[in-house]
Protein backbone atom coordinates (compact mmCIF):
# COMPACT_ATOMS: atom_id res chain seq x y z
CA MET A 1 0.00 0.00 0.00
CA ASN A 2 1.32 3.42 -0.95
CA LEU A 3 1.55 5.83 1.97
CA HIS A 4 2.81 8.75 -0.09
CA PHE A 5 0.02 11.31 -0.21
CA SER A 6 0.21 14.55 -2.15
CA PRO A 7 0.74 17.72 -0.11
CA GLU A 8 -2.61 19.04 -1.40
CA LEU A 9 -4.42 15.94 -0.17
CA LEU A 10 -2.74 16.09 3.24
CA LEU A 11 -3.72 19.76 3.59
CA LYS A 12 -7.36 18.89 2.87
CA ALA A 13 -7.14 16.05 5.39
CA GLN A 14 -5.69 18.01 8.32
CA ASN A 15 -8.94 19.46 9.66
CA ILE A 16 -11.08 16.33 9.17
CA ARG A 17 -12.94 15.20 12.31
CA VAL A 18 -15.45 12.77 10.75
CA LEU A 19 -15.33 10.28 7.91
CA LEU A 20 -18.70 9.60 6.27
CA LEU A 21 -18.82 6.27 4.45
CA ASP A 22 -21.22 4.62 2.05
CA VAL A 23 -21.48 0.83 2.27
CA ASP A 24 -22.21 -0.93 -1.04
CA GLY A 25 -19.38 -0.10 -3.43
CA VAL A 26 -17.23 1.44 -0.68
CA LEU A 27 -17.10 -0.83 2.39
CA THR A 28 -18.10 -3.76 0.17
CA ASP A 29 -17.38 -4.64 -3.45
CA GLY A 30 -20.93 -3.61 -4.31
CA GLY A 31 -22.24 -7.14 -4.69
CA ILE A 32 -25.50 -7.98 -2.97
CA TYR A 33 -25.97 -11.61 -1.99
CA MET A 34 -29.69 -12.38 -1.97
CA ALA A 35 -31.83 -15.37 -1.12
CA GLU A 36 -35.61 -15.74 -1.02
CA GLN A 37 -35.66 -14.27 2.50
CA GLY A 38 -33.61 -11.22 1.41
CA GLU A 39 -29.99 -10.22 1.80
CA ILE A 40 -28.09 -12.89 3.71
CA PHE A 41 -24.49 -11.72 3.86
CA LYS A 42 -21.92 -9.12 2.83
CA ARG A 43 -18.17 -9.36 2.41
CA PHE A 44 -16.08 -6.83 4.35
CA SER A 45 -12.32 -6.26 4.33
CA THR A 46 -10.38 -6.68 7.55
CA LEU A 47 -7.94 -4.03 6.25
CA ASP A 48 -10.79 -1.53 6.06
CA GLY A 49 -12.05 -2.59 9.47
CA HIS A 50 -8.70 -2.12 11.14
CA GLY A 51 -8.33 1.29 9.48
CA ILE A 52 -11.70 2.34 10.91
CA LYS A 53 -10.64 1.20 14.38
CA LEU A 54 -7.34 3.10 14.14
CA LEU A 55 -9.08 6.23 12.91
CA GLN A 56 -11.60 6.14 15.75
CA ALA A 57 -8.80 5.55 18.27
CA SER A 58 -7.12 8.72 16.97
CA GLY A 59 -10.26 10.74 17.71
CA VAL A 60 -11.73 10.95 14.21
CA LYS A 61 -15.36 9.82 14.17
CA VAL A 62 -16.62 7.38 11.55
CA ALA A 63 -20.22 7.46 10.39
CA VAL A 64 -21.95 5.17 7.91
CA ILE A 65 -24.76 6.42 5.70
CA SER A 66 -26.34 3.78 3.51
CA GLY A 67 -29.42 3.36 1.40
CA ARG A 68 -29.55 -0.24 2.52
CA ASP A 69 -29.90 -1.81 5.94
CA SER A 70 -29.11 -5.39 6.84
CA ALA A 71 -28.36 -7.54 9.83
CA ALA A 72 -24.90 -8.32 8.43
CA LEU A 73 -24.07 -4.63 8.17
CA ARG A 74 -25.26 -3.89 11.70
CA VAL A 75 -23.17 -6.77 13.10
CA ARG A 76 -20.05 -5.50 11.30
CA LEU A 77 -20.52 -1.89 12.38
CA GLN A 78 -21.08 -2.95 15.98
CA ALA A 79 -17.90 -5.04 15.88
CA LEU A 80 -15.97 -2.00 14.62
CA GLY A 81 -17.43 0.27 17.28
CA VAL A 82 -19.10 2.58 14.76
CA GLN A 83 -21.68 4.50 16.74
CA HIS A 84 -22.97 6.92 14.13
CA MET A 85 -25.05 5.44 11.33
CA GLU A 86 -28.04 6.22 9.17
CA LEU A 87 -29.15 3.02 7.45
CA GLY A 88 -31.94 2.40 4.97
CA THR A 89 -32.06 6.04 3.91
CA GLU A 90 -32.48 6.96 0.25
CA ASP A 91 -31.94 10.69 0.84
CA LYS A 92 -28.44 10.80 2.28
CA LEU A 93 -28.01 14.56 2.64
CA PRO A 94 -30.44 15.04 5.57
CA ALA A 95 -28.98 11.89 7.17
CA ALA A 96 -25.45 13.28 6.90
CA GLN A 97 -26.56 16.63 8.25
CA ARG A 98 -28.13 14.90 11.27
CA VAL A 99 -24.84 13.10 11.95
CA LEU A 100 -22.81 16.30 11.63
CA HIS A 101 -25.22 18.15 13.90
CA ALA A 102 -25.10 15.37 16.51
CA LEU A 103 -21.29 15.56 16.49
CA GLY A 104 -21.20 19.36 16.56
CA LEU A 105 -19.30 19.43 13.26
CA ASP A 106 -19.79 20.99 9.84
CA TRP A 107 -18.92 20.09 6.27
CA SER A 108 -15.48 21.75 6.52
CA GLN A 109 -14.56 19.01 9.00
CA ALA A 110 -15.99 16.11 7.00
CA ALA A 111 -14.45 13.63 4.60
CA VAL A 112 -16.67 11.45 2.42
CA MET A 113 -16.03 8.27 0.49
CA GLY A 114 -18.81 7.45 -1.94
CA ASP A 115 -19.24 5.66 -5.22
CA ASP A 116 -22.56 6.50 -6.90
CA TRP A 117 -25.29 9.07 -7.40
CA PRO A 118 -26.90 8.81 -3.92
CA ASP A 119 -23.53 9.92 -2.48
CA LEU A 120 -23.10 12.97 -4.73
CA PRO A 121 -24.83 15.53 -2.44
CA LEU A 122 -22.41 14.60 0.36
CA MET A 123 -19.42 14.53 -1.96
CA LYS A 124 -20.33 17.98 -3.25
CA ARG A 125 -20.17 19.48 0.28
CA ALA A 126 -17.32 17.70 2.08
CA ALA A 127 -13.88 19.19 2.62
CA LEU A 128 -12.20 15.95 1.46
CA VAL A 129 -13.80 13.61 -1.05
CA ALA A 130 -12.52 10.18 -2.06
CA ALA A 131 -13.88 7.45 -4.28
CA PRO A 132 -12.77 3.90 -5.02
CA GLN A 133 -11.48 3.32 -8.53
CA THR A 134 -14.63 1.36 -9.35
CA ALA A 135 -16.95 4.28 -8.56
CA HIS A 136 -19.39 5.69 -11.11
CA ALA A 137 -18.06 8.45 -13.39
CA GLU A 138 -20.02 11.20 -11.61
CA ALA A 139 -18.57 10.22 -8.22
CA LEU A 140 -15.08 10.04 -9.72
CA ALA A 141 -15.54 13.55 -11.14
CA LEU A 142 -16.25 14.99 -7.68
CA ALA A 143 -13.44 13.13 -5.92
CA HIS A 144 -10.34 14.98 -4.78
CA TRP A 145 -8.71 11.55 -4.67
CA VAL A 146 -9.48 8.34 -6.54
CA VAL A 147 -8.18 5.53 -4.36
CA GLN A 148 -6.49 2.75 -6.29
CA ALA A 149 -7.39 0.04 -3.78
CA PRO A 150 -10.66 -1.70 -4.65
CA ALA A 151 -13.98 -1.09 -2.95
CA GLY A 152 -14.43 -3.61 -0.17
CA GLY A 153 -10.73 -4.45 -0.38
CA GLY A 154 -8.67 -1.65 1.09
CA ALA A 155 -10.19 1.56 -0.32
CA VAL A 156 -11.49 2.63 3.09
CA ARG A 157 -8.16 1.71 4.71
CA ALA A 158 -6.42 4.05 2.25
CA ILE A 159 -8.48 7.07 3.30
CA CYS A 160 -8.11 6.11 6.97
CA ASP A 161 -4.33 5.97 6.51
CA CYS A 162 -4.35 9.36 4.75
CA LEU A 163 -6.29 10.94 7.63
CA LEU A 164 -3.98 9.31 10.18
CA VAL A 165 -0.87 10.58 8.37
CA ALA A 166 -2.32 14.10 8.06
CA SER A 167 -3.12 14.26 11.79
CA GLY A 168 0.23 12.82 12.87
CA ALA A 169 -1.49 9.82 14.46
CA TYR A 170 -0.24 7.24 11.94
CA ARG A 171 3.27 7.09 13.40
CA LEU A 172 1.97 6.94 16.97
CA GLU A 173 -0.43 4.10 16.17
CA LEU A 174 2.30 2.22 14.27
CA GLU A 175 4.69 2.54 17.21
CA LYS A 176 1.98 1.12 19.50
CA ALA A 177 1.45 -1.81 17.11
CA LEU A 178 5.20 -2.46 17.05
CA GLY A 179 5.30 -2.44 20.86
CA ASN A 180 7.52 0.64 21.07
């Protein structure tokens, strides 16, 4: 994984206090596994999960805003300690504004990773916008950074690492992991 971020990207990342994430096509590869009884499972990356935990440990909040809701998603978010979520919402802008309000933050302190049209209103407003390489063209056009790692396979970890580097927390967390 490349940890060399452009100076422009790091400047945008310095004031970020919350990362707003979509699920399908960002935290997952976008596939939906369905059975007669509905969605039965999702595939999540442990790299992304660890990045979310590190980011939260550094003081940056993580919030998930998704048009879909599922038991599998709720189990994963609970395991990661994500406390701020708006699930099953088609209109993501009011959901994001509720999260920001609850945290006492504004768009100048928000980063967003999205991949498709429902994410565009958030991407249009955030101080730092990222998209996985597999995102739709309109999401890619709004992104300050197109992450080369795939959705559901390290894309979220990349933005977490960027935010950790920009805040100075990356080195501290790495030293803890190394037992220093």
